[in-house]
């Protein structure tokens, strides 16, 4: 089933305090954020399967000059069955209410979460 989000989908740092507008809070990093206790995370889910591969994440290193290539490689990775299922799950969550994608990345605009927002908001093709 295809879902199209009409609710807000946002990106925030997991270290930021939650707000009432966050709705469902989902961590989309592969590794647990440094220095954060699980009980302090205030998240509804940790969806590791939607995160980029360790190899891609390490190659990218959040270097803005590599963002376009990272985005292209990551979109390819998101076609893998386990990642596609995880992305569909995010779309289902977004269809039911506000969704906040959480990442430990310092510059969220250069994170995989920013790419995921585009994907969640876009209708799935094929």
PDB file of N, CA and C in Angstrom:
ATOM      1  N   UNK A   1       0.837  -1.184   0.000  1.00  0.00           N
ATOM      2  CA  UNK A   1       0.000   0.000   0.000  1.00  0.00           C
ATOM      3  C   UNK A   1       0.885   1.251   0.000  1.00  0.00           C
ATOM      4  N   UNK A   2       0.491   2.234  -0.771  1.00  0.00           N
ATOM      5  CA  UNK A   2       1.258   3.469  -0.871  1.00  0.00           C
ATOM      6  C   UNK A   2       0.639   4.523   0.039  1.00  0.00           C
ATOM      7  N   UNK A   3       1.493   5.183   0.785  1.00  0.00           N
ATOM      8  CA  UNK A   3       1.031   6.238   1.685  1.00  0.00           C
ATOM      9  C   UNK A   3       1.688   7.544   1.265  1.00  0.00           C
ATOM     10  N   UNK A   4       0.918   8.595   1.328  1.00  0.00           N
ATOM     11  CA  UNK A   4       1.475   9.909   1.071  1.00  0.00           C
ATOM     12  C   UNK A   4       1.219  10.752   2.317  1.00  0.00           C
ATOM     13  N   UNK A   5       2.283  11.341   2.810  1.00  0.00           N
ATOM     14  CA  UNK A   5       2.163  12.102   4.048  1.00  0.00           C
ATOM     15  C   UNK A   5       1.529  13.459   3.806  1.00  0.00           C
ATOM     16  N   UNK A   6       0.528  13.769   4.616  1.00  0.00           N
ATOM     17  CA  UNK A   6      -0.018  15.119   4.622  1.00  0.00           C
ATOM     18  C   UNK A   6       0.331  15.786   5.949  1.00  0.00           C
ATOM     19  N   UNK A   7       0.972  15.021   6.814  1.00  0.00           N
ATOM     20  CA  UNK A   7       1.390  15.530   8.111  1.00  0.00           C
ATOM     21  C   UNK A   7       2.835  16.006   8.020  1.00  0.00           C
ATOM     22  N   UNK A   8       3.251  16.866   8.939  1.00  0.00           N
ATOM     23  CA  UNK A   8       4.637  17.335   8.907  1.00  0.00           C
ATOM     24  C   UNK A   8       5.633  16.201   9.169  1.00  0.00           C
ATOM     25  N   UNK A   9       6.706  16.227   8.404  1.00  0.00           N
ATOM     26  CA  UNK A   9       7.831  15.319   8.614  1.00  0.00           C
ATOM     27  C   UNK A   9       9.052  16.218   8.784  1.00  0.00           C
ATOM     28  N   UNK A  10       9.676  16.135   9.957  1.00  0.00           N
ATOM     29  CA  UNK A  10      10.789  17.022  10.258  1.00  0.00           C
ATOM     30  C   UNK A  10      12.002  16.223  10.711  1.00  0.00           C
ATOM     31  N   UNK A  11      13.125  16.918  10.763  1.00  0.00           N
ATOM     32  CA  UNK A  11      14.380  16.330  11.236  1.00  0.00           C
ATOM     33  C   UNK A  11      14.862  17.144  12.418  1.00  0.00           C
ATOM     34  N   UNK A  12      15.295  16.451  13.462  1.00  0.00           N
ATOM     35  CA  UNK A  12      15.865  17.119  14.629  1.00  0.00           C
ATOM     36  C   UNK A  12      17.016  16.289  15.146  1.00  0.00           C
ATOM     37  N   UNK A  13      17.854  16.920  15.919  1.00  0.00           N
ATOM     38  CA  UNK A  13      18.928  16.196  16.599  1.00  0.00           C
ATOM     39  C   UNK A  13      18.345  15.475  17.806  1.00  0.00           C
ATOM     40  N   UNK A  14      18.801  14.272  18.010  1.00  0.00           N
ATOM     41  CA  UNK A  14      18.284  13.484  19.140  1.00  0.00           C
ATOM     42  C   UNK A  14      18.647  14.126  20.474  1.00  0.00           C
ATOM     43  N   UNK A  15      19.664  14.956  20.494  1.00  0.00           N
ATOM     44  CA  UNK A  15      20.093  15.614  21.729  1.00  0.00           C
ATOM     45  C   UNK A  15      19.189  16.794  22.103  1.00  0.00           C
ATOM     46  N   UNK A  16      18.350  17.256  21.161  1.00  0.00           N
ATOM     47  CA  UNK A  16      17.429  18.359  21.438  1.00  0.00           C
ATOM     48  C   UNK A  16      16.236  17.846  22.243  1.00  0.00           C
ATOM     49  N   UNK A  17      15.717  18.694  23.107  1.00  0.00           N
ATOM     50  CA  UNK A  17      14.547  18.308  23.910  1.00  0.00           C
ATOM     51  C   UNK A  17      13.337  18.108  23.010  1.00  0.00           C
ATOM     52  N   UNK A  18      12.513  17.122  23.343  1.00  0.00           N
ATOM     53  CA  UNK A  18      11.304  16.898  22.544  1.00  0.00           C
ATOM     54  C   UNK A  18      10.325  18.056  22.689  1.00  0.00           C
ATOM     55  N   UNK A  19       9.499  18.229  21.660  1.00  0.00           N
ATOM     56  CA  UNK A  19       8.444  19.244  21.696  1.00  0.00           C
ATOM     57  C   UNK A  19       7.112  18.549  21.408  1.00  0.00           C
ATOM     58  N   UNK A  20       5.999  19.155  21.804  1.00  0.00           N
ATOM     59  CA  UNK A  20       4.690  18.546  21.539  1.00  0.00           C
ATOM     60  C   UNK A  20       4.412  18.365  20.041  1.00  0.00           C
ATOM     61  N   UNK A  21       5.034  19.194  19.197  1.00  0.00           N
ATOM     62  CA  UNK A  21       4.814  19.127  17.750  1.00  0.00           C
ATOM     63  C   UNK A  21       5.548  17.958  17.093  1.00  0.00           C
ATOM     64  N   UNK A  22       6.448  17.310  17.818  1.00  0.00           N
ATOM     65  CA  UNK A  22       7.261  16.237  17.230  1.00  0.00           C
ATOM     66  C   UNK A  22       6.437  15.056  16.720  1.00  0.00           C
ATOM     67  N   UNK A  23       5.349  14.756  17.380  1.00  0.00           N
ATOM     68  CA  UNK A  23       4.599  13.555  17.011  1.00  0.00           C
ATOM     69  C   UNK A  23       5.435  12.322  17.307  1.00  0.00           C
ATOM     70  N   UNK A  24       5.418  11.340  16.398  1.00  0.00           N
ATOM     71  CA  UNK A  24       6.239  10.134  16.562  1.00  0.00           C
ATOM     72  C   UNK A  24       7.698  10.512  16.361  1.00  0.00           C
ATOM     73  N   UNK A  25       8.558  10.027  17.253  1.00  0.00           N
ATOM     74  CA  UNK A  25       9.993  10.332  17.199  1.00  0.00           C
ATOM     75  C   UNK A  25      10.748   9.041  16.893  1.00  0.00           C
ATOM     76  N   UNK A  26      11.435   9.034  15.737  1.00  0.00           N
ATOM     77  CA  UNK A  26      12.111   7.829  15.271  1.00  0.00           C
ATOM     78  C   UNK A  26      13.583   8.136  15.004  1.00  0.00           C
ATOM     79  N   UNK A  27      14.456   7.402  15.675  1.00  0.00           N
ATOM     80  CA  UNK A  27      15.897   7.516  15.442  1.00  0.00           C
ATOM     81  C   UNK A  27      16.226   6.756  14.165  1.00  0.00           C
ATOM     82  N   UNK A  28      16.922   7.420  13.230  1.00  0.00           N
ATOM     83  CA  UNK A  28      17.231   6.812  11.934  1.00  0.00           C
ATOM     84  C   UNK A  28      18.743   6.644  11.724  1.00  0.00           C
ATOM     85  N   UNK A  29      19.496   6.588  12.803  1.00  0.00           N
ATOM     86  CA  UNK A  29      20.935   6.335  12.747  1.00  0.00           C
ATOM     87  C   UNK A  29      21.188   4.841  12.942  1.00  0.00           C
ATOM     88  N   UNK A  30      22.263   4.338  12.361  1.00  0.00           N
ATOM     89  CA  UNK A  30      22.618   2.924  12.513  1.00  0.00           C
ATOM     90  C   UNK A  30      23.236   2.654  13.886  1.00  0.00           C
ATOM     91  N   UNK A  31      23.986   3.616  14.406  1.00  0.00           N
ATOM     92  CA  UNK A  31      24.642   3.432  15.709  1.00  0.00           C
ATOM     93  C   UNK A  31      23.993   4.347  16.745  1.00  0.00           C
ATOM     94  N   UNK A  32      24.006   3.890  17.987  1.00  0.00           N
ATOM     95  CA  UNK A  32      23.409   4.669  19.068  1.00  0.00           C
ATOM     96  C   UNK A  32      24.217   5.946  19.298  1.00  0.00           C
ATOM     97  N   UNK A  33      23.547   7.082  19.516  1.00  0.00           N
ATOM     98  CA  UNK A  33      24.227   8.364  19.727  1.00  0.00           C
ATOM     99  C   UNK A  33      25.123   8.355  20.962  1.00  0.00           C
ATOM    100  N   UNK A  34      26.311   8.888  20.799  1.00  0.00           N
ATOM    101  CA  UNK A  34      27.277   8.960  21.904  1.00  0.00           C
ATOM    102  C   UNK A  34      26.755   9.797  23.055  1.00  0.00           C
ATOM    103  N   UNK A  35      27.015   9.299  24.251  1.00  0.00           N
ATOM    104  CA  UNK A  35      26.719  10.069  25.456  1.00  0.00           C
ATOM    105  C   UNK A  35      25.245  10.187  25.799  1.00  0.00           C
ATOM    106  N   UNK A  36      24.394   9.433  25.131  1.00  0.00           N
ATOM    107  CA  UNK A  36      22.961   9.528  25.394  1.00  0.00           C
ATOM    108  C   UNK A  36      22.465   8.213  25.977  1.00  0.00           C
ATOM    109  N   UNK A  37      21.843   8.314  27.130  1.00  0.00           N
ATOM    110  CA  UNK A  37      21.254   7.117  27.746  1.00  0.00           C
ATOM    111  C   UNK A  37      19.926   6.830  27.067  1.00  0.00           C
ATOM    112  N   UNK A  38      19.631   5.553  26.886  1.00  0.00           N
ATOM    113  CA  UNK A  38      18.387   5.167  26.191  1.00  0.00           C
ATOM    114  C   UNK A  38      17.158   5.766  26.867  1.00  0.00           C
ATOM    115  N   UNK A  39      17.162   5.800  28.176  1.00  0.00           N
ATOM    116  CA  UNK A  39      15.993   6.345  28.880  1.00  0.00           C
ATOM    117  C   UNK A  39      15.856   7.858  28.716  1.00  0.00           C
ATOM    118  N   UNK A  40      16.909   8.532  28.245  1.00  0.00           N
ATOM    119  CA  UNK A  40      16.856   9.982  28.020  1.00  0.00           C
ATOM    120  C   UNK A  40      16.563  10.347  26.565  1.00  0.00           C
ATOM    121  N   UNK A  41      16.391   9.361  25.708  1.00  0.00           N
ATOM    122  CA  UNK A  41      16.266   9.616  24.272  1.00  0.00           C
ATOM    123  C   UNK A  41      14.886  10.103  23.841  1.00  0.00           C
ATOM    124  N   UNK A  42      13.847   9.784  24.608  1.00  0.00           N
ATOM    125  CA  UNK A  42      12.484  10.206  24.281  1.00  0.00           C
ATOM    126  C   UNK A  42      12.122   9.861  22.834  1.00  0.00           C
ATOM    127  N   UNK A  43      12.300   8.587  22.476  1.00  0.00           N
ATOM    128  CA  UNK A  43      11.937   8.192  21.125  1.00  0.00           C
ATOM    129  C   UNK A  43      10.936   7.059  21.143  1.00  0.00           C
ATOM    130  N   UNK A  44      10.191   6.968  20.064  1.00  0.00           N
ATOM    131  CA  UNK A  44       9.192   5.916  19.931  1.00  0.00           C
ATOM    132  C   UNK A  44       9.779   4.669  19.289  1.00  0.00           C
ATOM    133  N   UNK A  45      10.783   4.873  18.446  1.00  0.00           N
ATOM    134  CA  UNK A  45      11.361   3.756  17.715  1.00  0.00           C
ATOM    135  C   UNK A  45      12.788   4.063  17.314  1.00  0.00           C
ATOM    136  N   UNK A  46      13.577   3.014  17.154  1.00  0.00           N
ATOM    137  CA  UNK A  46      14.920   3.120  16.586  1.00  0.00           C
ATOM    138  C   UNK A  46      14.896   2.243  15.348  1.00  0.00           C
ATOM    139  N   UNK A  47      14.934   2.860  14.184  1.00  0.00           N
ATOM    140  CA  UNK A  47      14.791   2.158  12.919  1.00  0.00           C
ATOM    141  C   UNK A  47      16.153   2.095  12.208  1.00  0.00           C
ATOM    142  N   UNK A  48      16.997   1.181  12.650  1.00  0.00           N
ATOM    143  CA  UNK A  48      18.353   1.044  12.098  1.00  0.00           C
ATOM    144  C   UNK A  48      18.346   0.676  10.614  1.00  0.00           C
ATOM    145  N   UNK A  49      17.345  -0.132  10.198  1.00  0.00           N
ATOM    146  CA  UNK A  49      17.335  -0.653   8.830  1.00  0.00           C
ATOM    147  C   UNK A  49      17.210   0.417   7.756  1.00  0.00           C
ATOM    148  N   UNK A  50      16.785   1.612   8.123  1.00  0.00           N
ATOM    149  CA  UNK A  50      16.636   2.669   7.129  1.00  0.00           C
ATOM    150  C   UNK A  50      17.919   3.519   7.019  1.00  0.00           C
ATOM    151  N   UNK A  51      18.860   3.276   7.889  1.00  0.00           N
ATOM    152  CA  UNK A  51      20.114   4.049   7.901  1.00  0.00           C
ATOM    153  C   UNK A  51      21.040   3.613   6.770  1.00  0.00           C
ATOM    154  N   UNK A  52      21.943   4.494   6.334  1.00  0.00           N
ATOM    155  CA  UNK A  52      22.915   4.101   5.312  1.00  0.00           C
ATOM    156  C   UNK A  52      23.866   3.033   5.848  1.00  0.00           C
ATOM    157  N   UNK A  53      24.460   2.302   4.936  1.00  0.00           N
ATOM    158  CA  UNK A  53      25.438   1.293   5.330  1.00  0.00           C
ATOM    159  C   UNK A  53      26.609   1.961   6.042  1.00  0.00           C
ATOM    160  N   UNK A  54      27.289   1.186   6.859  1.00  0.00           N
ATOM    161  CA  UNK A  54      28.466   1.703   7.570  1.00  0.00           C
ATOM    162  C   UNK A  54      29.494   2.221   6.568  1.00  0.00           C
ATOM    163  N   UNK A  55      29.681   1.494   5.483  1.00  0.00           N
ATOM    164  CA  UNK A  55      30.663   1.894   4.463  1.00  0.00           C
ATOM    165  C   UNK A  55      30.307   3.251   3.855  1.00  0.00           C
ATOM    166  N   UNK A  56      29.028   3.431   3.513  1.00  0.00           N
ATOM    167  CA  UNK A  56      28.606   4.695   2.916  1.00  0.00           C
ATOM    168  C   UNK A  56      28.722   5.829   3.928  1.00  0.00           C
ATOM    169  N   UNK A  57      28.299   5.571   5.141  1.00  0.00           N
ATOM    170  CA  UNK A  57      28.361   6.602   6.190  1.00  0.00           C
ATOM    171  C   UNK A  57      29.801   7.054   6.427  1.00  0.00           C
ATOM    172  N   UNK A  58      30.715   6.088   6.503  1.00  0.00           N
ATOM    173  CA  UNK A  58      32.118   6.432   6.742  1.00  0.00           C
ATOM    174  C   UNK A  58      32.729   7.157   5.551  1.00  0.00           C
ATOM    175  N   UNK A  59      32.374   6.753   4.331  1.00  0.00           N
ATOM    176  CA  UNK A  59      32.893   7.432   3.141  1.00  0.00           C
ATOM    177  C   UNK A  59      32.418   8.887   3.125  1.00  0.00           C
ATOM    178  N   UNK A  60      31.134   9.090   3.420  1.00  0.00           N
ATOM    179  CA  UNK A  60      30.540  10.420   3.371  1.00  0.00           C
ATOM    180  C   UNK A  60      31.122  11.359   4.419  1.00  0.00           C
ATOM    181  N   UNK A  61      31.166  10.928   5.657  1.00  0.00           N
ATOM    182  CA  UNK A  61      31.710  11.740   6.731  1.00  0.00           C
ATOM    183  C   UNK A  61      31.055  13.105   6.874  1.00  0.00           C
ATOM    184  N   UNK A  62      29.839  13.265   6.358  1.00  0.00           N
ATOM    185  CA  UNK A  62      29.091  14.527   6.416  1.00  0.00           C
ATOM    186  C   UNK A  62      29.848  15.675   5.769  1.00  0.00           C
ATOM    187  N   UNK A  63      30.623  15.345   4.743  1.00  0.00           N
ATOM    188  CA  UNK A  63      31.364  16.340   3.965  1.00  0.00           C
ATOM    189  C   UNK A  63      30.396  16.963   2.954  1.00  0.00           C
ATOM    190  N   UNK A  64      30.085  18.261   3.102  1.00  0.00           N
ATOM    191  CA  UNK A  64      29.115  18.893   2.196  1.00  0.00           C
ATOM    192  C   UNK A  64      29.475  18.730   0.713  1.00  0.00           C
ATOM    193  N   UNK A  65      30.758  18.643   0.386  1.00  0.00           N
ATOM    194  CA  UNK A  65      31.142  18.495  -1.026  1.00  0.00           C
ATOM    195  C   UNK A  65      30.775  17.119  -1.576  1.00  0.00           C
ATOM    196  N   UNK A  66      30.480  16.171  -0.691  1.00  0.00           N
ATOM    197  CA  UNK A  66      30.097  14.820  -1.117  1.00  0.00           C
ATOM    198  C   UNK A  66      28.591  14.572  -1.014  1.00  0.00           C
ATOM    199  N   UNK A  67      27.843  15.600  -0.656  1.00  0.00           N
ATOM    200  CA  UNK A  67      26.414  15.411  -0.389  1.00  0.00           C
ATOM    201  C   UNK A  67      25.661  14.849  -1.587  1.00  0.00           C
ATOM    202  N   UNK A  68      25.857  15.388  -2.767  1.00  0.00           N
ATOM    203  CA  UNK A  68      25.113  14.922  -3.936  1.00  0.00           C
ATOM    204  C   UNK A  68      25.411  13.451  -4.224  1.00  0.00           C
ATOM    205  N   UNK A  69      26.676  13.075  -4.164  1.00  0.00           N
ATOM    206  CA  UNK A  69      27.047  11.676  -4.393  1.00  0.00           C
ATOM    207  C   UNK A  69      26.514  10.781  -3.269  1.00  0.00           C
ATOM    208  N   UNK A  70      26.568  11.265  -2.033  1.00  0.00           N
ATOM    209  CA  UNK A  70      26.010  10.505  -0.912  1.00  0.00           C
ATOM    210  C   UNK A  70      24.526  10.259  -1.135  1.00  0.00           C
ATOM    211  N   UNK A  71      23.815  11.309  -1.494  1.00  0.00           N
ATOM    212  CA  UNK A  71      22.364  11.203  -1.709  1.00  0.00           C
ATOM    213  C   UNK A  71      22.067  10.144  -2.772  1.00  0.00           C
ATOM    214  N   UNK A  72      22.788  10.187  -3.890  1.00  0.00           N
ATOM    215  CA  UNK A  72      22.563   9.224  -4.977  1.00  0.00           C
ATOM    216  C   UNK A  72      22.845   7.792  -4.510  1.00  0.00           C
ATOM    217  N   UNK A  73      23.940   7.598  -3.804  1.00  0.00           N
ATOM    218  CA  UNK A  73      24.284   6.255  -3.314  1.00  0.00           C
ATOM    219  C   UNK A  73      23.284   5.772  -2.265  1.00  0.00           C
ATOM    220  N   UNK A  74      22.862   6.684  -1.419  1.00  0.00           N
ATOM    221  CA  UNK A  74      21.911   6.327  -0.369  1.00  0.00           C
ATOM    222  C   UNK A  74      20.555   5.957  -0.964  1.00  0.00           C
ATOM    223  N   UNK A  75      20.100   6.714  -1.955  1.00  0.00           N
ATOM    224  CA  UNK A  75      18.835   6.383  -2.608  1.00  0.00           C
ATOM    225  C   UNK A  75      18.904   4.990  -3.237  1.00  0.00           C
ATOM    226  N   UNK A  76      20.055   4.616  -3.769  1.00  0.00           N
ATOM    227  CA  UNK A  76      20.247   3.269  -4.304  1.00  0.00           C
ATOM    228  C   UNK A  76      20.141   2.245  -3.178  1.00  0.00           C
ATOM    229  N   UNK A  77      20.799   2.515  -2.045  1.00  0.00           N
ATOM    230  CA  UNK A  77      20.723   1.592  -0.907  1.00  0.00           C
ATOM    231  C   UNK A  77      19.286   1.422  -0.402  1.00  0.00           C
ATOM    232  N   UNK A  78      18.498   2.480  -0.477  1.00  0.00           N
ATOM    233  CA  UNK A  78      17.123   2.423   0.027  1.00  0.00           C
ATOM    234  C   UNK A  78      16.221   1.506  -0.806  1.00  0.00           C
ATOM    235  N   UNK A  79      16.710   1.063  -1.953  1.00  0.00           N
ATOM    236  CA  UNK A  79      15.932   0.132  -2.785  1.00  0.00           C
ATOM    237  C   UNK A  79      16.074  -1.314  -2.315  1.00  0.00           C
ATOM    238  N   UNK A  80      17.068  -1.591  -1.463  1.00  0.00           N
ATOM    239  CA  UNK A  80      17.245  -2.951  -0.933  1.00  0.00           C
ATOM    240  C   UNK A  80      15.999  -3.322  -0.129  1.00  0.00           C
ATOM    241  N   UNK A  81      15.593  -4.599  -0.164  1.00  0.00           N
ATOM    242  CA  UNK A  81      14.330  -4.996   0.477  1.00  0.00           C
ATOM    243  C   UNK A  81      14.186  -4.586   1.946  1.00  0.00           C
ATOM    244  N   UNK A  82      15.213  -4.792   2.765  1.00  0.00           N
ATOM    245  CA  UNK A  82      15.078  -4.438   4.186  1.00  0.00           C
ATOM    246  C   UNK A  82      14.943  -2.936   4.375  1.00  0.00           C
ATOM    247  N   UNK A  83      15.675  -2.163   3.595  1.00  0.00           N
ATOM    248  CA  UNK A  83      15.585  -0.696   3.717  1.00  0.00           C
ATOM    249  C   UNK A  83      14.277  -0.183   3.119  1.00  0.00           C
ATOM    250  N   UNK A  84      13.825  -0.799   2.035  1.00  0.00           N
ATOM    251  CA  UNK A  84      12.551  -0.381   1.433  1.00  0.00           C
ATOM    252  C   UNK A  84      11.393  -0.624   2.408  1.00  0.00           C
ATOM    253  N   UNK A  85      11.421  -1.746   3.125  1.00  0.00           N
ATOM    254  CA  UNK A  85      10.384  -2.015   4.124  1.00  0.00           C
ATOM    255  C   UNK A  85      10.432  -0.975   5.242  1.00  0.00           C
ATOM    256  N   UNK A  86      11.630  -0.635   5.677  1.00  0.00           N
ATOM    257  CA  UNK A  86      11.784   0.366   6.738  1.00  0.00           C
ATOM    258  C   UNK A  86      11.283   1.740   6.263  1.00  0.00           C
ATOM    259  N   UNK A  87      11.591   2.092   5.022  1.00  0.00           N
ATOM    260  CA  UNK A  87      11.114   3.361   4.472  1.00  0.00           C
ATOM    261  C   UNK A  87       9.591   3.364   4.366  1.00  0.00           C
ATOM    262  N   UNK A  88       9.006   2.249   3.953  1.00  0.00           N
ATOM    263  CA  UNK A  88       7.548   2.150   3.900  1.00  0.00           C
ATOM    264  C   UNK A  88       6.946   2.317   5.300  1.00  0.00           C
ATOM    265  N   UNK A  89       7.624   1.778   6.303  1.00  0.00           N
ATOM    266  CA  UNK A  89       7.155   1.934   7.683  1.00  0.00           C
ATOM    267  C   UNK A  89       7.151   3.420   8.079  1.00  0.00           C
ATOM    268  N   UNK A  90       8.197   4.145   7.707  1.00  0.00           N
ATOM    269  CA  UNK A  90       8.220   5.587   7.994  1.00  0.00           C
ATOM    270  C   UNK A  90       7.071   6.292   7.285  1.00  0.00           C
ATOM    271  N   UNK A  91       6.788   5.899   6.053  1.00  0.00           N
ATOM    272  CA  UNK A  91       5.669   6.506   5.318  1.00  0.00           C
ATOM    273  C   UNK A  91       4.339   6.235   6.023  1.00  0.00           C
ATOM    274  N   UNK A  92       4.175   5.026   6.549  1.00  0.00           N
ATOM    275  CA  UNK A  92       2.955   4.695   7.290  1.00  0.00           C
ATOM    276  C   UNK A  92       2.828   5.565   8.542  1.00  0.00           C
ATOM    277  N   UNK A  93       3.943   5.734   9.245  1.00  0.00           N
ATOM    278  CA  UNK A  93       3.919   6.587  10.436  1.00  0.00           C
ATOM    279  C   UNK A  93       3.556   8.026  10.069  1.00  0.00           C
ATOM    280  N   UNK A  94       4.140   8.520   8.977  1.00  0.00           N
ATOM    281  CA  UNK A  94       3.875   9.898   8.543  1.00  0.00           C
ATOM    282  C   UNK A  94       2.433  10.078   8.091  1.00  0.00           C
ATOM    283  N   UNK A  95       1.838   9.031   7.571  1.00  0.00           N
ATOM    284  CA  UNK A  95       0.444   9.110   7.121  1.00  0.00           C
ATOM    285  C   UNK A  95      -0.520   9.218   8.305  1.00  0.00           C
ATOM    286  N   UNK A  96      -0.065   8.782   9.483  1.00  0.00           N
ATOM    287  CA  UNK A  96      -0.962   8.763  10.640  1.00  0.00           C
ATOM    288  C   UNK A  96      -0.778   9.950  11.583  1.00  0.00           C
ATOM    289  N   UNK A  97       0.214  10.797  11.330  1.00  0.00           N
ATOM    290  CA  UNK A  97       0.418  11.960  12.188  1.00  0.00           C
ATOM    291  C   UNK A  97       1.798  12.551  12.005  1.00  0.00           C
ATOM    292  N   UNK A  98       2.113  13.618  12.726  1.00  0.00           N
ATOM    293  CA  UNK A  98       3.428  14.237  12.611  1.00  0.00           C
ATOM    294  C   UNK A  98       4.539  13.221  12.908  1.00  0.00           C
ATOM    295  N   UNK A  99       5.647  13.355  12.199  1.00  0.00           N
ATOM    296  CA  UNK A  99       6.777  12.446  12.339  1.00  0.00           C
ATOM    297  C   UNK A  99       8.050  13.262  12.431  1.00  0.00           C
ATOM    298  N   UNK A 100       8.875  12.940  13.413  1.00  0.00           N
ATOM    299  CA  UNK A 100      10.179  13.583  13.558  1.00  0.00           C
ATOM    300  C   UNK A 100      11.250  12.515  13.431  1.00  0.00           C
ATOM    301  N   UNK A 101      12.135  12.699  12.452  1.00  0.00           N
ATOM    302  CA  UNK A 101      13.267  11.799  12.257  1.00  0.00           C
ATOM    303  C   UNK A 101      14.431  12.346  13.059  1.00  0.00           C
ATOM    304  N   UNK A 102      14.992  11.508  13.898  1.00  0.00           N
ATOM    305  CA  UNK A 102      16.050  11.928  14.809  1.00  0.00           C
ATOM    306  C   UNK A 102      17.398  11.388  14.356  1.00  0.00           C
ATOM    307  N   UNK A 103      18.412  12.227  14.498  1.00  0.00           N
ATOM    308  CA  UNK A 103      19.777  11.850  14.163  1.00  0.00           C
ATOM    309  C   UNK A 103      20.732  12.531  15.132  1.00  0.00           C
ATOM    310  N   UNK A 104      21.883  11.926  15.319  1.00  0.00           N
ATOM    311  CA  UNK A 104      22.907  12.538  16.157  1.00  0.00           C
ATOM    312  C   UNK A 104      23.771  13.515  15.364  1.00  0.00           C
ATOM    313  N   UNK A 105      23.605  13.521  14.056  1.00  0.00           N
ATOM    314  CA  UNK A 105      24.397  14.370  13.172  1.00  0.00           C
ATOM    315  C   UNK A 105      24.301  15.832  13.575  1.00  0.00           C
ATOM    316  N   UNK A 106      25.431  16.499  13.605  1.00  0.00           N
ATOM    317  CA  UNK A 106      25.467  17.909  14.007  1.00  0.00           C
ATOM    318  C   UNK A 106      24.720  18.797  13.003  1.00  0.00           C
ATOM    319  N   UNK A 107      24.980  18.628  11.721  1.00  0.00           N
ATOM    320  CA  UNK A 107      24.329  19.431  10.680  1.00  0.00           C
ATOM    321  C   UNK A 107      23.257  18.579  10.015  1.00  0.00           C
ATOM    322  N   UNK A 108      22.033  18.686  10.510  1.00  0.00           N
ATOM    323  CA  UNK A 108      20.974  17.792  10.043  1.00  0.00           C
ATOM    324  C   UNK A 108      20.690  17.932   8.556  1.00  0.00           C
ATOM    325  N   UNK A 109      20.967  19.110   7.983  1.00  0.00           N
ATOM    326  CA  UNK A 109      20.691  19.284   6.552  1.00  0.00           C
ATOM    327  C   UNK A 109      21.621  18.440   5.681  1.00  0.00           C
ATOM    328  N   UNK A 110      22.724  17.955   6.256  1.00  0.00           N
ATOM    329  CA  UNK A 110      23.650  17.096   5.512  1.00  0.00           C
ATOM    330  C   UNK A 110      23.535  15.629   5.951  1.00  0.00           C
ATOM    331  N   UNK A 111      22.465  15.302   6.644  1.00  0.00           N
ATOM    332  CA  UNK A 111      22.322  13.951   7.184  1.00  0.00           C
ATOM    333  C   UNK A 111      21.455  13.079   6.296  1.00  0.00           C
ATOM    334  N   UNK A 112      21.489  11.778   6.561  1.00  0.00           N
ATOM    335  CA  UNK A 112      20.603  10.865   5.863  1.00  0.00           C
ATOM    336  C   UNK A 112      19.159  11.168   6.209  1.00  0.00           C
ATOM    337  N   UNK A 113      18.917  11.719   7.385  1.00  0.00           N
ATOM    338  CA  UNK A 113      17.545  12.047   7.790  1.00  0.00           C
ATOM    339  C   UNK A 113      16.933  13.077   6.840  1.00  0.00           C
ATOM    340  N   UNK A 114      17.731  14.023   6.367  1.00  0.00           N
ATOM    341  CA  UNK A 114      17.223  15.019   5.415  1.00  0.00           C
ATOM    342  C   UNK A 114      16.819  14.347   4.097  1.00  0.00           C
ATOM    343  N   UNK A 115      17.585  13.359   3.659  1.00  0.00           N
ATOM    344  CA  UNK A 115      17.235  12.599   2.449  1.00  0.00           C
ATOM    345  C   UNK A 115      15.952  11.805   2.704  1.00  0.00           C
ATOM    346  N   UNK A 116      15.849  11.224   3.885  1.00  0.00           N
ATOM    347  CA  UNK A 116      14.663  10.434   4.220  1.00  0.00           C
ATOM    348  C   UNK A 116      13.393  11.274   4.223  1.00  0.00           C
ATOM    349  N   UNK A 117      13.491  12.516   4.668  1.00  0.00           N
ATOM    350  CA  UNK A 117      12.308  13.385   4.662  1.00  0.00           C
ATOM    351  C   UNK A 117      11.769  13.490   3.237  1.00  0.00           C
ATOM    352  N   UNK A 118      12.669  13.711   2.261  1.00  0.00           N
ATOM    353  CA  UNK A 118      12.249  13.767   0.860  1.00  0.00           C
ATOM    354  C   UNK A 118      11.548  12.476   0.459  1.00  0.00           C
ATOM    355  N   UNK A 119      12.131  11.361   0.817  1.00  0.00           N
ATOM    356  CA  UNK A 119      11.601  10.047   0.434  1.00  0.00           C
ATOM    357  C   UNK A 119      10.247   9.770   1.081  1.00  0.00           C
ATOM    358  N   UNK A 120      10.110  10.141   2.330  1.00  0.00           N
ATOM    359  CA  UNK A 120       8.855   9.893   3.053  1.00  0.00           C
ATOM    360  C   UNK A 120       7.736  10.744   2.452  1.00  0.00           C
ATOM    361  N   UNK A 121       8.071  11.960   2.087  1.00  0.00           N
ATOM    362  CA  UNK A 121       7.056  12.866   1.541  1.00  0.00           C
ATOM    363  C   UNK A 121       6.669  12.526   0.103  1.00  0.00           C
ATOM    364  N   UNK A 122       7.563  11.847  -0.595  1.00  0.00           N
ATOM    365  CA  UNK A 122       7.335  11.489  -1.987  1.00  0.00           C
ATOM    366  C   UNK A 122       6.579  10.171  -2.073  1.00  0.00           C
ATOM    367  N   UNK A 123       5.646  10.110  -2.980  1.00  0.00           N
ATOM    368  CA  UNK A 123       4.903   8.869  -3.191  1.00  0.00           C
ATOM    369  C   UNK A 123       5.834   7.811  -3.769  1.00  0.00           C
ATOM    370  N   UNK A 124       5.704   6.590  -3.279  1.00  0.00           N
ATOM    371  CA  UNK A 124       6.556   5.493  -3.749  1.00  0.00           C
ATOM    372  C   UNK A 124       6.148   5.095  -5.162  1.00  0.00           C
ATOM    373  N   UNK A 125       7.158   4.915  -6.019  1.00  0.00           N
ATOM    374  CA  UNK A 125       6.930   4.478  -7.398  1.00  0.00           C
ATOM    375  C   UNK A 125       7.439   3.072  -7.543  1.00  0.00           C
ATOM    376  N   UNK A 126       6.639   2.228  -8.216  1.00  0.00           N
ATOM    377  CA  UNK A 126       7.065   0.863  -8.510  1.00  0.00           C
ATOM    378  C   UNK A 126       7.128   0.079  -7.292  1.00  0.00           C
TER     379      UNK A 126
END
